[in-house]
Amino acid sequence: MTKRRRKRHTPDQIVRKLRDADAMLNAGKQLADVLQALEISEATYHRWRNRAPTRSVGPAA
Protein backbone atom coordinates (compact mmCIF):
# COMPACT_ATOMS: atom_id res chain seq x y z
CA MET A 1 0.00 0.00 0.00
CA THR A 2 1.39 3.39 -0.96
CA LYS A 3 1.04 6.43 1.21
CA ARG A 4 -0.36 9.60 -0.28
CA ARG A 5 1.80 12.59 0.30
CA ARG A 6 0.04 15.35 2.19
CA LYS A 7 -0.36 18.56 0.28
CA ARG A 8 -0.24 21.91 2.02
CA HIS A 9 -2.28 24.65 0.42
CA THR A 10 -1.34 28.31 0.55
CA PRO A 11 -3.99 30.78 1.77
CA ASP A 12 -4.51 31.95 -1.83
CA GLN A 13 -5.11 28.37 -2.97
CA ILE A 14 -7.61 27.82 -0.16
CA VAL A 15 -9.58 30.94 -1.08
CA ARG A 16 -9.55 29.96 -4.76
CA LYS A 17 -10.75 26.43 -4.02
CA LEU A 18 -13.52 27.70 -1.73
CA ARG A 19 -14.70 30.10 -4.45
CA ASP A 20 -14.61 27.28 -7.01
CA ALA A 21 -16.57 25.08 -4.60
CA ASP A 22 -19.22 27.79 -4.16
CA ALA A 23 -19.55 28.17 -7.91
CA MET A 24 -19.91 24.42 -8.47
CA LEU A 25 -22.40 24.02 -5.64
CA ASN A 26 -24.47 26.94 -6.96
CA ALA A 27 -24.43 25.27 -10.38
CA GLY A 28 -26.16 22.27 -8.83
CA LYS A 29 -23.28 19.83 -8.33
CA GLN A 30 -23.30 17.51 -5.34
CA LEU A 31 -20.81 18.19 -2.54
CA ALA A 32 -19.06 14.84 -3.08
CA ASP A 33 -18.50 15.67 -6.76
CA VAL A 34 -17.13 19.11 -5.89
CA LEU A 35 -14.73 17.71 -3.30
CA GLN A 36 -13.47 15.10 -5.72
CA ALA A 37 -12.90 17.73 -8.41
CA LEU A 38 -10.99 19.95 -5.96
CA GLU A 39 -9.08 16.95 -4.55
CA ILE A 40 -9.86 17.73 -0.92
CA SER A 41 -11.62 15.79 1.83
CA GLU A 42 -14.95 16.74 3.32
CA ALA A 43 -13.26 17.44 6.67
CA THR A 44 -10.79 19.80 4.99
CA TYR A 45 -13.60 21.60 3.16
CA HIS A 46 -15.57 22.19 6.36
CA ARG A 47 -12.46 23.23 8.31
CA TRP A 48 -11.56 25.78 5.62
CA ARG A 49 -15.16 26.99 5.42
CA ASN A 50 -15.32 27.56 9.18
CA ARG A 51 -11.96 29.36 9.33
CA ALA A 52 -12.33 31.48 6.21
CA PRO A 53 -13.30 35.12 6.62
CA THR A 54 -16.71 35.40 4.99
CA ARG A 55 -16.07 38.61 3.08
CA SER A 56 -12.95 37.35 1.25
CA VAL A 57 -14.56 34.08 0.13
CA GLY A 58 -18.14 35.08 -0.58
CA PRO A 59 -19.41 36.35 -3.91
CA ALA A 60 -18.70 39.96 -4.81
CA ALA A 61 -21.47 42.30 -3.72
PDB file of N, CA and C in Angstrom:
ATOM      1  N   MET A   1       0.840  -1.182   0.000  1.00  0.00           N
ATOM      2  CA  MET A   1       0.000   0.000   0.000  1.00  0.00           C
ATOM      3  C   MET A   1       0.885   1.244   0.000  1.00  0.00           C
ATOM      4  N   THR A   2       0.603   2.155  -0.878  1.00  0.00           N
ATOM      5  CA  THR A   2       1.394   3.386  -0.956  1.00  0.00           C
ATOM      6  C   THR A   2       0.728   4.485  -0.151  1.00  0.00           C
ATOM      7  N   LYS A   3       1.559   5.300   0.443  1.00  0.00           N
ATOM      8  CA  LYS A   3       1.041   6.433   1.209  1.00  0.00           C
ATOM      9  C   LYS A   3       0.894   7.630   0.284  1.00  0.00           C
ATOM     10  N   ARG A   4      -0.189   8.348   0.454  1.00  0.00           N
ATOM     11  CA  ARG A   4      -0.362   9.595  -0.284  1.00  0.00           C
ATOM     12  C   ARG A   4       0.383  10.684   0.448  1.00  0.00           C
ATOM     13  N   ARG A   5       1.087  11.473  -0.294  1.00  0.00           N
ATOM     14  CA  ARG A   5       1.798  12.592   0.298  1.00  0.00           C
ATOM     15  C   ARG A   5       0.815  13.702   0.608  1.00  0.00           C
ATOM     16  N   ARG A   6       0.923  14.254   1.798  1.00  0.00           N
ATOM     17  CA  ARG A   6       0.041  15.350   2.189  1.00  0.00           C
ATOM     18  C   ARG A   6       0.414  16.598   1.423  1.00  0.00           C
ATOM     19  N   LYS A   7      -0.587  17.325   1.023  1.00  0.00           N
ATOM     20  CA  LYS A   7      -0.360  18.563   0.282  1.00  0.00           C
ATOM     21  C   LYS A   7      -0.792  19.742   1.149  1.00  0.00           C
ATOM     22  N   ARG A   8       0.090  20.682   1.293  1.00  0.00           N
ATOM     23  CA  ARG A   8      -0.236  21.907   2.017  1.00  0.00           C
ATOM     24  C   ARG A   8      -0.682  22.942   1.001  1.00  0.00           C
ATOM     25  N   HIS A   9      -1.764  23.616   1.312  1.00  0.00           N
ATOM     26  CA  HIS A   9      -2.279  24.647   0.424  1.00  0.00           C
ATOM     27  C   HIS A   9      -1.947  26.017   0.997  1.00  0.00           C
ATOM     28  N   THR A  10      -1.596  26.934   0.119  1.00  0.00           N
ATOM     29  CA  THR A  10      -1.344  28.308   0.550  1.00  0.00           C
ATOM     30  C   THR A  10      -2.695  28.981   0.800  1.00  0.00           C
ATOM     31  N   PRO A  11      -2.720  30.078   1.546  1.00  0.00           N
ATOM     32  CA  PRO A  11      -3.985  30.784   1.767  1.00  0.00           C
ATOM     33  C   PRO A  11      -4.678  31.184   0.465  1.00  0.00           C
ATOM     34  N   ASP A  12      -3.913  31.585  -0.542  1.00  0.00           N
ATOM     35  CA  ASP A  12      -4.512  31.948  -1.828  1.00  0.00           C
ATOM     36  C   ASP A  12      -5.168  30.741  -2.491  1.00  0.00           C
ATOM     37  N   GLN A  13      -4.532  29.578  -2.399  1.00  0.00           N
ATOM     38  CA  GLN A  13      -5.105  28.367  -2.972  1.00  0.00           C
ATOM     39  C   GLN A  13      -6.389  27.981  -2.253  1.00  0.00           C
ATOM     40  N   ILE A  14      -6.414  28.151  -0.943  1.00  0.00           N
ATOM     41  CA  ILE A  14      -7.607  27.818  -0.164  1.00  0.00           C
ATOM     42  C   ILE A  14      -8.764  28.708  -0.587  1.00  0.00           C
ATOM     43  N   VAL A  15      -8.524  30.007  -0.685  1.00  0.00           N
ATOM     44  CA  VAL A  15      -9.577  30.944  -1.080  1.00  0.00           C
ATOM     45  C   VAL A  15     -10.087  30.600  -2.477  1.00  0.00           C
ATOM     46  N   ARG A  16      -9.159  30.296  -3.392  1.00  0.00           N
ATOM     47  CA  ARG A  16      -9.548  29.959  -4.763  1.00  0.00           C
ATOM     48  C   ARG A  16     -10.401  28.684  -4.793  1.00  0.00           C
ATOM     49  N   LYS A  17      -9.996  27.683  -4.028  1.00  0.00           N
ATOM     50  CA  LYS A  17     -10.755  26.429  -4.017  1.00  0.00           C
ATOM     51  C   LYS A  17     -12.126  26.608  -3.378  1.00  0.00           C
ATOM     52  N   LEU A  18     -12.215  27.450  -2.341  1.00  0.00           N
ATOM     53  CA  LEU A  18     -13.521  27.704  -1.733  1.00  0.00           C
ATOM     54  C   LEU A  18     -14.444  28.452  -2.700  1.00  0.00           C
ATOM     55  N   ARG A  19     -13.893  29.388  -3.452  1.00  0.00           N
ATOM     56  CA  ARG A  19     -14.700  30.096  -4.455  1.00  0.00           C
ATOM     57  C   ARG A  19     -15.155  29.146  -5.551  1.00  0.00           C
ATOM     58  N   ASP A  20     -14.249  28.277  -5.997  1.00  0.00           N
ATOM     59  CA  ASP A  20     -14.611  27.283  -7.013  1.00  0.00           C
ATOM     60  C   ASP A  20     -15.697  26.355  -6.479  1.00  0.00           C
ATOM     61  N   ALA A  21     -15.568  25.959  -5.214  1.00  0.00           N
ATOM     62  CA  ALA A  21     -16.566  25.085  -4.602  1.00  0.00           C
ATOM     63  C   ALA A  21     -17.927  25.773  -4.566  1.00  0.00           C
ATOM     64  N   ASP A  22     -17.956  27.042  -4.186  1.00  0.00           N
ATOM     65  CA  ASP A  22     -19.215  27.790  -4.160  1.00  0.00           C
ATOM     66  C   ASP A  22     -19.848  27.835  -5.546  1.00  0.00           C
ATOM     67  N   ALA A  23     -19.038  28.093  -6.548  1.00  0.00           N
ATOM     68  CA  ALA A  23     -19.554  28.173  -7.915  1.00  0.00           C
ATOM     69  C   ALA A  23     -20.134  26.830  -8.364  1.00  0.00           C
ATOM     70  N   MET A  24     -19.423  25.750  -8.066  1.00  0.00           N
ATOM     71  CA  MET A  24     -19.905  24.422  -8.466  1.00  0.00           C
ATOM     72  C   MET A  24     -21.171  24.032  -7.712  1.00  0.00           C
ATOM     73  N   LEU A  25     -21.213  24.346  -6.425  1.00  0.00           N
ATOM     74  CA  LEU A  25     -22.405  24.021  -5.636  1.00  0.00           C
ATOM     75  C   LEU A  25     -23.607  24.830  -6.111  1.00  0.00           C
ATOM     76  N   ASN A  26     -23.390  26.100  -6.451  1.00  0.00           N
ATOM     77  CA  ASN A  26     -24.474  26.937  -6.958  1.00  0.00           C
ATOM     78  C   ASN A  26     -24.941  26.487  -8.332  1.00  0.00           C
ATOM     79  N   ALA A  27     -24.067  25.805  -9.066  1.00  0.00           N
ATOM     80  CA  ALA A  27     -24.430  25.274 -10.381  1.00  0.00           C
ATOM     81  C   ALA A  27     -25.194  23.957 -10.267  1.00  0.00           C
ATOM     82  N   GLY A  28     -25.347  23.457  -9.042  1.00  0.00           N
ATOM     83  CA  GLY A  28     -26.155  22.267  -8.834  1.00  0.00           C
ATOM     84  C   GLY A  28     -25.382  20.973  -8.647  1.00  0.00           C
ATOM     85  N   LYS A  29     -24.063  21.056  -8.550  1.00  0.00           N
ATOM     86  CA  LYS A  29     -23.282  19.833  -8.333  1.00  0.00           C
ATOM     87  C   LYS A  29     -23.420  19.375  -6.888  1.00  0.00           C
ATOM     88  N   GLN A  30     -23.270  18.080  -6.687  1.00  0.00           N
ATOM     89  CA  GLN A  30     -23.297  17.511  -5.343  1.00  0.00           C
ATOM     90  C   GLN A  30     -21.973  17.794  -4.643  1.00  0.00           C
ATOM     91  N   LEU A  31     -22.011  17.889  -3.313  1.00  0.00           N
ATOM     92  CA  LEU A  31     -20.811  18.191  -2.545  1.00  0.00           C
ATOM     93  C   LEU A  31     -19.719  17.156  -2.796  1.00  0.00           C
ATOM     94  N   ALA A  32     -20.062  15.891  -2.853  1.00  0.00           N
ATOM     95  CA  ALA A  32     -19.063  14.837  -3.081  1.00  0.00           C
ATOM     96  C   ALA A  32     -18.358  15.034  -4.418  1.00  0.00           C
ATOM     97  N   ASP A  33     -19.096  15.432  -5.446  1.00  0.00           N
ATOM     98  CA  ASP A  33     -18.496  15.672  -6.759  1.00  0.00           C
ATOM     99  C   ASP A  33     -17.559  16.877  -6.730  1.00  0.00           C
ATOM    100  N   VAL A  34     -17.956  17.900  -6.008  1.00  0.00           N
ATOM    101  CA  VAL A  34     -17.134  19.110  -5.889  1.00  0.00           C
ATOM    102  C   VAL A  34     -15.827  18.787  -5.167  1.00  0.00           C
ATOM    103  N   LEU A  35     -15.927  18.046  -4.073  1.00  0.00           N
ATOM    104  CA  LEU A  35     -14.730  17.712  -3.299  1.00  0.00           C
ATOM    105  C   LEU A  35     -13.777  16.845  -4.100  1.00  0.00           C
ATOM    106  N   GLN A  36     -14.312  15.940  -4.881  1.00  0.00           N
ATOM    107  CA  GLN A  36     -13.468  15.095  -5.716  1.00  0.00           C
ATOM    108  C   GLN A  36     -12.770  15.935  -6.792  1.00  0.00           C
ATOM    109  N   ALA A  37     -13.493  16.874  -7.379  1.00  0.00           N
ATOM    110  CA  ALA A  37     -12.903  17.727  -8.411  1.00  0.00           C
ATOM    111  C   ALA A  37     -11.791  18.610  -7.834  1.00  0.00           C
ATOM    112  N   LEU A  38     -11.982  19.075  -6.602  1.00  0.00           N
ATOM    113  CA  LEU A  38     -10.990  19.945  -5.964  1.00  0.00           C
ATOM    114  C   LEU A  38      -9.885  19.162  -5.263  1.00  0.00           C
ATOM    115  N   GLU A  39     -10.051  17.839  -5.181  1.00  0.00           N
ATOM    116  CA  GLU A  39      -9.077  16.952  -4.549  1.00  0.00           C
ATOM    117  C   GLU A  39      -8.836  17.302  -3.090  1.00  0.00           C
ATOM    118  N   ILE A  40      -9.936  17.500  -2.351  1.00  0.00           N
ATOM    119  CA  ILE A  40      -9.858  17.732  -0.915  1.00  0.00           C
ATOM    120  C   ILE A  40     -10.880  16.848  -0.220  1.00  0.00           C
ATOM    121  N   SER A  41     -10.673  16.605   1.070  1.00  0.00           N
ATOM    122  CA  SER A  41     -11.616  15.787   1.827  1.00  0.00           C
ATOM    123  C   SER A  41     -12.758  16.661   2.350  1.00  0.00           C
ATOM    124  N   GLU A  42     -13.814  15.998   2.773  1.00  0.00           N
ATOM    125  CA  GLU A  42     -14.950  16.736   3.318  1.00  0.00           C
ATOM    126  C   GLU A  42     -14.549  17.459   4.605  1.00  0.00           C
ATOM    127  N   ALA A  43     -13.718  16.815   5.421  1.00  0.00           N
ATOM    128  CA  ALA A  43     -13.260  17.441   6.666  1.00  0.00           C
ATOM    129  C   ALA A  43     -12.447  18.706   6.373  1.00  0.00           C
ATOM    130  N   THR A  44     -11.586  18.626   5.367  1.00  0.00           N
ATOM    131  CA  THR A  44     -10.790  19.796   4.989  1.00  0.00           C
ATOM    132  C   THR A  44     -11.688  20.921   4.507  1.00  0.00           C
ATOM    133  N   TYR A  45     -12.671  20.587   3.673  1.00  0.00           N
ATOM    134  CA  TYR A  45     -13.600  21.604   3.163  1.00  0.00           C
ATOM    135  C   TYR A  45     -14.301  22.325   4.314  1.00  0.00           C
ATOM    136  N   HIS A  46     -14.836  21.571   5.257  1.00  0.00           N
ATOM    137  CA  HIS A  46     -15.573  22.188   6.361  1.00  0.00           C
ATOM    138  C   HIS A  46     -14.636  22.978   7.286  1.00  0.00           C
ATOM    139  N   ARG A  47     -13.416  22.490   7.482  1.00  0.00           N
ATOM    140  CA  ARG A  47     -12.458  23.226   8.306  1.00  0.00           C
ATOM    141  C   ARG A  47     -12.120  24.563   7.650  1.00  0.00           C
ATOM    142  N   TRP A  48     -11.843  24.543   6.344  1.00  0.00           N
ATOM    143  CA  TRP A  48     -11.556  25.779   5.623  1.00  0.00           C
ATOM    144  C   TRP A  48     -12.752  26.715   5.657  1.00  0.00           C
ATOM    145  N   ARG A  49     -13.949  26.180   5.454  1.00  0.00           N
ATOM    146  CA  ARG A  49     -15.161  26.994   5.421  1.00  0.00           C
ATOM    147  C   ARG A  49     -15.374  27.682   6.766  1.00  0.00           C
ATOM    148  N   ASN A  50     -15.119  26.975   7.854  1.00  0.00           N
ATOM    149  CA  ASN A  50     -15.320  27.560   9.184  1.00  0.00           C
ATOM    150  C   ASN A  50     -14.257  28.589   9.532  1.00  0.00           C
ATOM    151  N   ARG A  51     -13.052  28.435   9.022  1.00  0.00           N
ATOM    152  CA  ARG A  51     -11.957  29.359   9.331  1.00  0.00           C
ATOM    153  C   ARG A  51     -11.882  30.549   8.392  1.00  0.00           C
ATOM    154  N   ALA A  52     -12.468  30.440   7.223  1.00  0.00           N
ATOM    155  CA  ALA A  52     -12.333  31.484   6.210  1.00  0.00           C
ATOM    156  C   ALA A  52     -13.128  32.729   6.596  1.00  0.00           C
ATOM    157  N   PRO A  53     -12.536  33.894   6.428  1.00  0.00           N
ATOM    158  CA  PRO A  53     -13.304  35.120   6.618  1.00  0.00           C
ATOM    159  C   PRO A  53     -14.376  35.208   5.540  1.00  0.00           C
ATOM    160  N   THR A  54     -15.590  35.473   5.931  1.00  0.00           N
ATOM    161  CA  THR A  54     -16.705  35.399   4.995  1.00  0.00           C
ATOM    162  C   THR A  54     -16.598  36.420   3.865  1.00  0.00           C
ATOM    163  N   ARG A  55     -16.094  37.598   4.131  1.00  0.00           N
ATOM    164  CA  ARG A  55     -16.068  38.612   3.075  1.00  0.00           C
ATOM    165  C   ARG A  55     -15.048  38.323   1.973  1.00  0.00           C
ATOM    166  N   SER A  56     -13.950  37.600   2.279  1.00  0.00           N
ATOM    167  CA  SER A  56     -12.948  37.347   1.252  1.00  0.00           C
ATOM    168  C   SER A  56     -13.290  36.125   0.409  1.00  0.00           C
ATOM    169  N   VAL A  57     -14.235  35.288   0.869  1.00  0.00           N
ATOM    170  CA  VAL A  57     -14.563  34.080   0.135  1.00  0.00           C
ATOM    171  C   VAL A  57     -15.903  34.205  -0.574  1.00  0.00           C
ATOM    172  N   GLY A  58     -16.810  34.981  -0.018  1.00  0.00           N
ATOM    173  CA  GLY A  58     -18.145  35.084  -0.580  1.00  0.00           C
ATOM    174  C   GLY A  58     -18.170  35.777  -1.932  1.00  0.00           C
ATOM    175  N   PRO A  59     -19.297  35.699  -2.610  1.00  0.00           N
ATOM    176  CA  PRO A  59     -19.411  36.352  -3.912  1.00  0.00           C
ATOM    177  C   PRO A  59     -19.320  37.867  -3.779  1.00  0.00           C
ATOM    178  N   ALA A  60     -18.836  38.492  -4.822  1.00  0.00           N
ATOM    179  CA  ALA A  60     -18.697  39.958  -4.806  1.00  0.00           C
ATOM    180  C   ALA A  60     -20.069  40.618  -4.747  1.00  0.00           C
ATOM    181  N   ALA A  61     -20.180  41.621  -3.905  1.00  0.00           N
ATOM    182  CA  ALA A  61     -21.474  42.296  -3.716  1.00  0.00           C
ATOM    183  C   ALA A  61     -21.662  43.420  -4.713  1.00  0.00           C
TER     184      ALA A  61
END
